[in-house]
Amino acid sequence: MSAESMATGQNEHVLRVFRRRFRDWRGQRPFWAGLFTLFGGIPIAYFPYASLKLGNLTLSMETTAGAGSLIIGVLLVTLGLTMWFHHIVRVFAGVASILLALISIPIANLGGFVIGFLFALVGGALSISWVPGKPLPVPPAEAVHDSAADADGGRTSAG
């Protein structure tokens, strides 16, 4: 890819195809449920190991429950990826993420300061409630033509 091809729009088709394929992939699985669950696991796993420096003041959140928080966060990230790539087990992944979110409240600094708890809870609920869509039946061509003629009373639009 050169700068000229990007400026003239020669690769615009590739971007459209990628976007359309991603939209189709996203529509066939609980994408938002996996994303919320994934985003819920990150603060739960991160905050017990974080230390924030403000000038000379060091704010450290390291606790003895760091290993439990890390396990819960990694499991939530894994469940979020499972929702994306193995959507057949979406109900199990949703229930497990809700349970892990509830367990993270006493173990992982109030569930990653409530941020991770809420994301994981919403992601689990979305995963449980998601149902794959059914394709719409394609009407035969004769039925569409006949219904248009019946609406006019059998007259053509030219007469």
N, C-alpha and C. Protein backbone atom coordinates (compact mmCIF):
# COMPACT_ATOMS: atom_id res chain seq x y z
N MET A 1 0.84 -1.18 0.00
CA MET A 1 0.00 0.00 0.00
C MET A 1 0.88 1.24 0.00
N SER A 2 0.63 2.09 -0.91
CA SER A 2 1.40 3.32 -0.99
C SER A 2 0.52 4.50 -0.60
N ALA A 3 1.17 5.62 -0.45
CA ALA A 3 0.43 6.83 -0.06
C ALA A 3 -0.51 7.26 -1.18
N GLU A 4 -0.09 7.03 -2.44
CA GLU A 4 -0.94 7.40 -3.56
C GLU A 4 -2.21 6.57 -3.60
N SER A 5 -2.10 5.28 -3.30
CA SER A 5 -3.29 4.42 -3.36
C SER A 5 -4.28 4.78 -2.26
N MET A 6 -3.80 5.22 -1.13
CA MET A 6 -4.71 5.63 -0.06
C MET A 6 -5.36 6.97 -0.39
N ALA A 7 -4.63 7.85 -1.07
CA ALA A 7 -5.17 9.16 -1.39
C ALA A 7 -6.21 9.07 -2.50
N THR A 8 -6.00 8.15 -3.44
CA THR A 8 -6.95 8.04 -4.55
C THR A 8 -8.12 7.15 -4.23
N GLY A 9 -8.09 6.45 -3.12
CA GLY A 9 -9.22 5.62 -2.73
C GLY A 9 -9.23 4.26 -3.38
N GLN A 10 -8.06 3.79 -3.84
CA GLN A 10 -8.01 2.48 -4.49
C GLN A 10 -8.27 1.34 -3.51
N ASN A 11 -7.95 1.52 -2.25
CA ASN A 11 -8.14 0.46 -1.26
C ASN A 11 -9.42 0.65 -0.46
N GLU A 12 -10.28 1.51 -0.90
CA GLU A 12 -11.54 1.74 -0.20
C GLU A 12 -12.40 0.49 -0.21
N HIS A 13 -12.34 -0.27 -1.28
CA HIS A 13 -13.12 -1.50 -1.37
C HIS A 13 -12.70 -2.50 -0.30
N VAL A 14 -11.42 -2.60 -0.04
CA VAL A 14 -10.91 -3.53 0.97
C VAL A 14 -11.46 -3.17 2.34
N LEU A 15 -11.49 -1.89 2.64
CA LEU A 15 -12.01 -1.46 3.94
C LEU A 15 -13.51 -1.73 4.06
N ARG A 16 -14.25 -1.53 2.96
CA ARG A 16 -15.68 -1.83 2.99
C ARG A 16 -15.93 -3.30 3.20
N VAL A 17 -15.16 -4.14 2.51
CA VAL A 17 -15.32 -5.59 2.65
C VAL A 17 -14.99 -6.01 4.07
N PHE A 18 -13.90 -5.48 4.63
CA PHE A 18 -13.53 -5.82 6.01
C PHE A 18 -14.62 -5.39 6.98
N ARG A 19 -15.14 -4.19 6.78
CA ARG A 19 -16.18 -3.69 7.69
C ARG A 19 -17.45 -4.54 7.59
N ARG A 20 -17.83 -4.93 6.37
CA ARG A 20 -19.02 -5.76 6.18
C ARG A 20 -18.83 -7.15 6.79
N ARG A 21 -17.65 -7.72 6.62
CA ARG A 21 -17.38 -9.04 7.21
C ARG A 21 -17.37 -8.97 8.73
N PHE A 22 -16.79 -7.90 9.28
CA PHE A 22 -16.79 -7.75 10.73
C PHE A 22 -18.22 -7.57 11.26
N ARG A 23 -19.04 -6.81 10.54
CA ARG A 23 -20.43 -6.62 10.95
C ARG A 23 -21.19 -7.94 10.91
N ASP A 24 -20.96 -8.76 9.89
CA ASP A 24 -21.60 -10.08 9.82
C ASP A 24 -21.13 -10.98 10.95
N TRP A 25 -19.81 -10.96 11.23
CA TRP A 25 -19.27 -11.78 12.31
C TRP A 25 -19.84 -11.33 13.65
N ARG A 26 -19.91 -10.02 13.85
CA ARG A 26 -20.42 -9.47 15.10
C ARG A 26 -21.90 -9.79 15.30
N GLY A 27 -22.67 -9.86 14.23
CA GLY A 27 -24.09 -10.12 14.35
C GLY A 27 -24.43 -11.57 14.63
N GLN A 28 -23.47 -12.46 14.48
CA GLN A 28 -23.73 -13.89 14.69
C GLN A 28 -23.34 -14.36 16.08
N ARG A 29 -22.99 -13.48 16.95
CA ARG A 29 -22.55 -13.87 18.30
C ARG A 29 -22.84 -12.74 19.28
N PRO A 30 -22.80 -13.02 20.58
CA PRO A 30 -23.06 -11.95 21.57
C PRO A 30 -21.83 -11.04 21.72
N PHE A 31 -21.62 -10.20 20.73
CA PHE A 31 -20.42 -9.37 20.70
C PHE A 31 -20.34 -8.41 21.87
N TRP A 32 -21.42 -7.66 22.11
CA TRP A 32 -21.39 -6.66 23.18
C TRP A 32 -21.30 -7.31 24.55
N ALA A 33 -21.88 -8.48 24.71
CA ALA A 33 -21.75 -9.20 25.98
C ALA A 33 -20.30 -9.57 26.24
N GLY A 34 -19.63 -10.08 25.22
CA GLY A 34 -18.22 -10.41 25.37
C GLY A 34 -17.35 -9.21 25.63
N LEU A 35 -17.67 -8.09 24.97
CA LEU A 35 -16.88 -6.88 25.17
C LEU A 35 -17.05 -6.33 26.58
N PHE A 36 -18.29 -6.29 27.08
CA PHE A 36 -18.52 -5.81 28.45
C PHE A 36 -17.85 -6.73 29.47
N THR A 37 -17.93 -8.04 29.27
CA THR A 37 -17.31 -8.97 30.20
C THR A 37 -15.79 -8.82 30.16
N LEU A 38 -15.24 -8.65 28.98
CA LEU A 38 -13.80 -8.44 28.84
C LEU A 38 -13.37 -7.17 29.56
N PHE A 39 -14.12 -6.08 29.35
CA PHE A 39 -13.80 -4.83 30.03
C PHE A 39 -14.06 -4.90 31.54
N GLY A 40 -14.90 -5.83 31.97
CA GLY A 40 -15.11 -6.01 33.41
C GLY A 40 -13.95 -6.72 34.08
N GLY A 41 -13.31 -7.63 33.35
CA GLY A 41 -12.21 -8.39 33.94
C GLY A 41 -10.93 -7.59 34.08
N ILE A 42 -10.72 -6.62 33.22
CA ILE A 42 -9.46 -5.87 33.23
C ILE A 42 -9.28 -5.05 34.51
N PRO A 43 -10.26 -4.22 34.94
CA PRO A 43 -10.01 -3.47 36.19
C PRO A 43 -9.98 -4.36 37.43
N ILE A 44 -10.72 -5.46 37.40
CA ILE A 44 -10.69 -6.36 38.56
C ILE A 44 -9.30 -6.96 38.72
N ALA A 45 -8.67 -7.33 37.61
CA ALA A 45 -7.32 -7.91 37.70
C ALA A 45 -6.25 -6.84 37.89
N TYR A 46 -6.47 -5.63 37.42
CA TYR A 46 -5.43 -4.60 37.44
C TYR A 46 -5.31 -3.87 38.77
N PHE A 47 -6.42 -3.45 39.37
CA PHE A 47 -6.36 -2.57 40.53
C PHE A 47 -5.61 -3.14 41.74
N PRO A 48 -5.67 -4.43 42.06
CA PRO A 48 -4.90 -4.89 43.21
C PRO A 48 -3.39 -4.81 43.02
N TYR A 49 -2.92 -4.69 41.79
CA TYR A 49 -1.49 -4.62 41.53
C TYR A 49 -1.04 -3.22 41.12
N ALA A 50 -1.94 -2.26 41.11
CA ALA A 50 -1.62 -0.92 40.62
C ALA A 50 -1.04 -0.07 41.73
N SER A 51 -0.15 0.83 41.35
CA SER A 51 0.33 1.86 42.26
C SER A 51 0.38 3.16 41.47
N LEU A 52 -0.21 4.18 42.04
CA LEU A 52 -0.34 5.48 41.38
C LEU A 52 0.57 6.46 42.08
N LYS A 53 1.36 7.20 41.31
CA LYS A 53 2.28 8.19 41.89
C LYS A 53 1.80 9.58 41.53
N LEU A 54 1.54 10.37 42.54
CA LEU A 54 1.16 11.77 42.40
C LEU A 54 2.23 12.62 43.06
N GLY A 55 3.22 13.04 42.30
CA GLY A 55 4.33 13.79 42.86
C GLY A 55 5.15 12.88 43.77
N ASN A 56 5.25 13.23 45.06
CA ASN A 56 5.97 12.41 46.02
C ASN A 56 5.06 11.41 46.72
N LEU A 57 3.77 11.49 46.46
CA LEU A 57 2.80 10.63 47.11
C LEU A 57 2.56 9.38 46.26
N THR A 58 2.74 8.22 46.86
CA THR A 58 2.51 6.96 46.16
C THR A 58 1.26 6.31 46.74
N LEU A 59 0.30 6.05 45.86
CA LEU A 59 -0.95 5.42 46.26
C LEU A 59 -0.90 3.98 45.77
N SER A 60 -0.86 3.04 46.70
CA SER A 60 -0.71 1.64 46.33
C SER A 60 -1.95 0.87 46.77
N MET A 61 -2.51 0.10 45.85
CA MET A 61 -3.70 -0.69 46.14
C MET A 61 -3.38 -2.16 46.35
N GLU A 62 -2.12 -2.51 46.50
CA GLU A 62 -1.73 -3.90 46.65
C GLU A 62 -2.31 -4.46 47.93
N THR A 63 -3.00 -5.59 47.78
CA THR A 63 -3.63 -6.23 48.93
C THR A 63 -3.22 -7.69 48.97
N THR A 64 -3.62 -8.36 50.02
CA THR A 64 -3.33 -9.80 50.12
C THR A 64 -4.26 -10.61 49.23
N ALA A 65 -5.30 -10.02 48.76
CA ALA A 65 -6.24 -10.72 47.89
C ALA A 65 -5.90 -10.55 46.42
N GLY A 66 -4.67 -10.19 46.13
CA GLY A 66 -4.26 -9.95 44.75
C GLY A 66 -4.36 -11.18 43.88
N ALA A 67 -4.02 -12.34 44.42
CA ALA A 67 -4.09 -13.57 43.62
C ALA A 67 -5.53 -13.91 43.26
N GLY A 68 -6.44 -13.74 44.19
CA GLY A 68 -7.86 -13.98 43.91
C GLY A 68 -8.40 -13.01 42.87
N SER A 69 -7.98 -11.77 42.97
CA SER A 69 -8.42 -10.77 42.00
C SER A 69 -7.88 -11.09 40.61
N LEU A 70 -6.63 -11.52 40.56
CA LEU A 70 -6.04 -11.87 39.28
C LEU A 70 -6.76 -13.06 38.63
N ILE A 71 -7.09 -14.05 39.44
CA ILE A 71 -7.80 -15.22 38.92
C ILE A 71 -9.19 -14.83 38.41
N ILE A 72 -9.90 -14.02 39.18
CA ILE A 72 -11.24 -13.59 38.76
C ILE A 72 -11.16 -12.75 37.49
N GLY A 73 -10.21 -11.84 37.41
CA GLY A 73 -10.06 -11.00 36.22
C GLY A 73 -9.70 -11.81 34.98
N VAL A 74 -8.78 -12.75 35.12
CA VAL A 74 -8.40 -13.59 33.98
C VAL A 74 -9.56 -14.47 33.55
N LEU A 75 -10.31 -15.01 34.49
CA LEU A 75 -11.48 -15.81 34.14
C LEU A 75 -12.54 -14.98 33.42
N LEU A 76 -12.74 -13.75 33.83
CA LEU A 76 -13.72 -12.89 33.15
C LEU A 76 -13.27 -12.55 31.73
N VAL A 77 -11.99 -12.29 31.55
CA VAL A 77 -11.47 -12.04 30.20
C VAL A 77 -11.64 -13.28 29.34
N THR A 78 -11.36 -14.45 29.91
CA THR A 78 -11.52 -15.70 29.17
C THR A 78 -12.99 -15.95 28.83
N LEU A 79 -13.89 -15.66 29.74
CA LEU A 79 -15.31 -15.83 29.45
C LEU A 79 -15.78 -14.85 28.38
N GLY A 80 -15.26 -13.64 28.37
CA GLY A 80 -15.60 -12.68 27.32
C GLY A 80 -15.15 -13.17 25.95
N LEU A 81 -13.95 -13.73 25.88
CA LEU A 81 -13.48 -14.29 24.61
C LEU A 81 -14.26 -15.54 24.23
N THR A 82 -14.69 -16.30 25.22
CA THR A 82 -15.52 -17.48 24.95
C THR A 82 -16.86 -17.08 24.36
N MET A 83 -17.42 -15.99 24.84
CA MET A 83 -18.68 -15.51 24.27
C MET A 83 -18.53 -15.16 22.80
N TRP A 84 -17.36 -14.66 22.42
CA TRP A 84 -17.13 -14.30 21.03
C TRP A 84 -16.89 -15.50 20.14
N PHE A 85 -16.04 -16.42 20.59
CA PHE A 85 -15.58 -17.48 19.69
C PHE A 85 -16.29 -18.81 19.87
N HIS A 86 -16.99 -19.02 20.98
CA HIS A 86 -17.78 -20.24 21.20
C HIS A 86 -19.15 -19.82 21.73
N HIS A 87 -19.91 -19.16 20.89
CA HIS A 87 -21.17 -18.57 21.34
C HIS A 87 -22.22 -19.61 21.68
N ILE A 88 -21.95 -20.88 21.44
CA ILE A 88 -22.91 -21.93 21.79
C ILE A 88 -23.01 -22.11 23.31
N VAL A 89 -21.97 -21.72 24.04
CA VAL A 89 -21.98 -21.84 25.51
C VAL A 89 -22.24 -20.48 26.16
N ARG A 90 -22.99 -19.63 25.49
CA ARG A 90 -23.21 -18.27 25.97
C ARG A 90 -23.94 -18.22 27.30
N VAL A 91 -24.86 -19.15 27.54
CA VAL A 91 -25.61 -19.13 28.80
C VAL A 91 -24.70 -19.49 29.96
N PHE A 92 -23.87 -20.52 29.79
CA PHE A 92 -22.91 -20.88 30.83
C PHE A 92 -21.95 -19.73 31.10
N ALA A 93 -21.42 -19.13 30.03
CA ALA A 93 -20.47 -18.03 30.20
C ALA A 93 -21.13 -16.84 30.87
N GLY A 94 -22.39 -16.58 30.56
CA GLY A 94 -23.09 -15.47 31.20
C GLY A 94 -23.32 -15.70 32.68
N VAL A 95 -23.76 -16.91 33.02
CA VAL A 95 -23.99 -17.21 34.45
C VAL A 95 -22.67 -17.17 35.21
N ALA A 96 -21.62 -17.74 34.61
CA ALA A 96 -20.31 -17.74 35.28
C ALA A 96 -19.78 -16.32 35.46
N SER A 97 -19.97 -15.46 34.47
CA SER A 97 -19.47 -14.09 34.62
C SER A 97 -20.27 -13.31 35.67
N ILE A 98 -21.57 -13.57 35.77
CA ILE A 98 -22.36 -12.91 36.83
C ILE A 98 -21.89 -13.39 38.21
N LEU A 99 -21.67 -14.68 38.35
CA LEU A 99 -21.19 -15.20 39.64
C LEU A 99 -19.81 -14.65 39.99
N LEU A 100 -18.91 -14.60 39.00
CA LEU A 100 -17.58 -14.06 39.27
C LEU A 100 -17.64 -12.56 39.60
N ALA A 101 -18.56 -11.85 38.96
CA ALA A 101 -18.72 -10.43 39.28
C ALA A 101 -19.19 -10.25 40.72
N LEU A 102 -20.12 -11.09 41.15
CA LEU A 102 -20.61 -11.00 42.53
C LEU A 102 -19.52 -11.40 43.54
N ILE A 103 -18.73 -12.40 43.19
CA ILE A 103 -17.64 -12.82 44.08
C ILE A 103 -16.55 -11.75 44.15
N SER A 104 -16.40 -10.96 43.09
CA SER A 104 -15.34 -9.95 43.08
C SER A 104 -15.59 -8.80 44.04
N ILE A 105 -16.82 -8.65 44.52
CA ILE A 105 -17.10 -7.53 45.44
C ILE A 105 -16.29 -7.68 46.74
N PRO A 106 -16.36 -8.81 47.45
CA PRO A 106 -15.55 -8.88 48.68
C PRO A 106 -14.08 -9.19 48.43
N ILE A 107 -13.74 -9.79 47.30
CA ILE A 107 -12.36 -10.25 47.09
C ILE A 107 -11.49 -9.19 46.42
N ALA A 108 -12.01 -8.51 45.40
CA ALA A 108 -11.17 -7.68 44.54
C ALA A 108 -11.48 -6.20 44.69
N ASN A 109 -11.27 -5.63 45.83
CA ASN A 109 -11.45 -4.20 46.05
C ASN A 109 -12.79 -3.70 45.54
N LEU A 110 -13.85 -4.25 46.08
CA LEU A 110 -15.22 -3.91 45.68
C LEU A 110 -15.45 -4.09 44.18
N GLY A 111 -14.93 -5.19 43.67
CA GLY A 111 -15.14 -5.50 42.26
C GLY A 111 -14.45 -4.52 41.33
N GLY A 112 -13.21 -4.20 41.58
CA GLY A 112 -12.51 -3.24 40.75
C GLY A 112 -13.11 -1.86 40.88
N PHE A 113 -13.38 -1.45 42.12
CA PHE A 113 -14.02 -0.17 42.44
C PHE A 113 -15.34 -0.02 41.69
N VAL A 114 -16.13 -1.05 41.69
CA VAL A 114 -17.48 -1.14 41.14
C VAL A 114 -17.49 -1.05 39.60
N ILE A 115 -16.43 -0.58 39.00
CA ILE A 115 -16.38 -0.47 37.53
C ILE A 115 -16.39 -1.85 36.91
N GLY A 116 -15.47 -2.69 37.32
CA GLY A 116 -15.38 -4.05 36.77
C GLY A 116 -16.59 -4.88 37.12
N PHE A 117 -17.11 -4.69 38.32
CA PHE A 117 -18.31 -5.42 38.74
C PHE A 117 -19.48 -5.11 37.81
N LEU A 118 -19.72 -3.83 37.53
CA LEU A 118 -20.86 -3.45 36.69
C LEU A 118 -20.68 -3.92 35.25
N PHE A 119 -19.48 -3.78 34.71
CA PHE A 119 -19.24 -4.25 33.34
C PHE A 119 -19.46 -5.76 33.23
N ALA A 120 -18.92 -6.52 34.18
CA ALA A 120 -19.07 -7.98 34.13
C ALA A 120 -20.52 -8.39 34.34
N LEU A 121 -21.23 -7.69 35.20
CA LEU A 121 -22.64 -8.00 35.44
C LEU A 121 -23.49 -7.74 34.20
N VAL A 122 -23.28 -6.61 33.57
CA VAL A 122 -24.02 -6.28 32.34
C VAL A 122 -23.65 -7.25 31.22
N GLY A 123 -22.37 -7.58 31.10
CA GLY A 123 -21.94 -8.52 30.07
C GLY A 123 -22.54 -9.90 30.27
N GLY A 124 -22.62 -10.36 31.50
CA GLY A 124 -23.24 -11.66 31.77
C GLY A 124 -24.72 -11.65 31.46
N ALA A 125 -25.39 -10.58 31.83
CA ALA A 125 -26.83 -10.48 31.55
C ALA A 125 -27.09 -10.42 30.04
N LEU A 126 -26.27 -9.68 29.30
CA LEU A 126 -26.42 -9.62 27.85
C LEU A 126 -26.16 -10.98 27.21
N SER A 127 -25.21 -11.72 27.76
CA SER A 127 -24.90 -13.04 27.21
C SER A 127 -26.04 -14.02 27.42
N ILE A 128 -26.65 -13.97 28.58
CA ILE A 128 -27.77 -14.88 28.86
C ILE A 128 -28.96 -14.53 27.98
N SER A 129 -29.20 -13.25 27.76
CA SER A 129 -30.40 -12.84 27.02
C SER A 129 -30.22 -12.89 25.51
N TRP A 130 -29.00 -13.04 25.00
CA TRP A 130 -28.78 -13.04 23.55
C TRP A 130 -29.27 -14.34 22.94
N VAL A 131 -29.96 -14.23 21.81
CA VAL A 131 -30.45 -15.39 21.06
C VAL A 131 -30.08 -15.17 19.61
N PRO A 132 -29.54 -16.21 18.95
CA PRO A 132 -29.19 -16.02 17.54
C PRO A 132 -30.42 -15.77 16.69
N GLY A 133 -30.29 -14.89 15.74
CA GLY A 133 -31.41 -14.56 14.87
C GLY A 133 -31.66 -15.63 13.83
N LYS A 134 -32.88 -15.68 13.34
CA LYS A 134 -33.24 -16.61 12.28
C LYS A 134 -33.28 -15.85 10.96
N PRO A 135 -32.77 -16.45 9.88
CA PRO A 135 -32.82 -15.73 8.60
C PRO A 135 -34.25 -15.58 8.11
N LEU A 136 -34.52 -14.46 7.47
CA LEU A 136 -35.85 -14.20 6.94
C LEU A 136 -36.08 -15.04 5.69
N PRO A 137 -37.28 -15.60 5.54
CA PRO A 137 -37.55 -16.38 4.33
C PRO A 137 -37.65 -15.45 3.12
N VAL A 138 -37.09 -15.90 2.02
CA VAL A 138 -37.12 -15.10 0.80
C VAL A 138 -38.41 -15.40 0.05
N PRO A 139 -39.25 -14.38 -0.22
CA PRO A 139 -40.51 -14.65 -0.91
C PRO A 139 -40.23 -14.99 -2.38
N PRO A 140 -41.00 -15.89 -2.95
CA PRO A 140 -40.82 -16.19 -4.37
C PRO A 140 -41.18 -15.00 -5.24
N ALA A 141 -40.60 -14.93 -6.42
CA ALA A 141 -40.79 -13.78 -7.31
C ALA A 141 -42.23 -13.67 -7.79
N GLU A 142 -42.91 -14.81 -8.01
CA GLU A 142 -44.29 -14.76 -8.49
C GLU A 142 -45.22 -14.15 -7.46
N ALA A 143 -44.99 -14.47 -6.20
CA ALA A 143 -45.86 -13.96 -5.15
C ALA A 143 -45.75 -12.44 -5.04
N VAL A 144 -44.58 -11.91 -5.22
CA VAL A 144 -44.39 -10.47 -5.14
C VAL A 144 -45.08 -9.80 -6.32
N HIS A 145 -44.97 -10.38 -7.51
CA HIS A 145 -45.61 -9.81 -8.70
C HIS A 145 -47.13 -9.88 -8.61
N ASP A 146 -47.67 -11.01 -8.13
CA ASP A 146 -49.11 -11.18 -8.02
C ASP A 146 -49.70 -10.22 -6.99
N SER A 147 -49.00 -10.01 -5.89
CA SER A 147 -49.55 -9.12 -4.86
C SER A 147 -49.57 -7.67 -5.36
N ALA A 148 -48.61 -7.28 -6.20
CA ALA A 148 -48.61 -5.93 -6.75
C ALA A 148 -49.78 -5.75 -7.73
N ALA A 149 -50.09 -6.79 -8.50
CA ALA A 149 -51.20 -6.69 -9.45
C ALA A 149 -52.53 -6.66 -8.72
N ASP A 150 -52.63 -7.40 -7.61
CA ASP A 150 -53.89 -7.41 -6.84
C ASP A 150 -54.11 -6.05 -6.17
N ALA A 151 -53.06 -5.35 -5.82
CA ALA A 151 -53.23 -4.06 -5.16
C ALA A 151 -53.79 -3.02 -6.13
N ASP A 152 -53.48 -3.14 -7.40
CA ASP A 152 -54.00 -2.20 -8.40
C ASP A 152 -55.37 -2.63 -8.93
N GLY A 153 -55.84 -3.76 -8.55
CA GLY A 153 -57.09 -4.27 -9.10
C GLY A 153 -56.89 -4.87 -10.48
N GLY A 154 -55.66 -5.30 -10.79
CA GLY A 154 -55.38 -5.94 -12.06
C GLY A 154 -54.97 -4.95 -13.14
N ARG A 155 -55.00 -3.64 -12.87
CA ARG A 155 -54.62 -2.66 -13.89
C ARG A 155 -53.12 -2.43 -13.87
N THR A 156 -52.58 -2.06 -14.95
CA THR A 156 -51.16 -1.71 -15.02
C THR A 156 -51.01 -0.23 -14.73
N SER A 157 -49.81 0.16 -14.40
CA SER A 157 -49.59 1.57 -14.05
C SER A 157 -49.52 2.45 -15.29
N ALA A 158 -49.31 1.86 -16.48
CA ALA A 158 -49.23 2.66 -17.69
C ALA A 158 -50.63 3.07 -18.19
N GLY A 159 -51.68 2.30 -17.81
CA GLY A 159 -53.02 2.57 -18.36
C GLY A 159 -53.85 3.26 -17.41
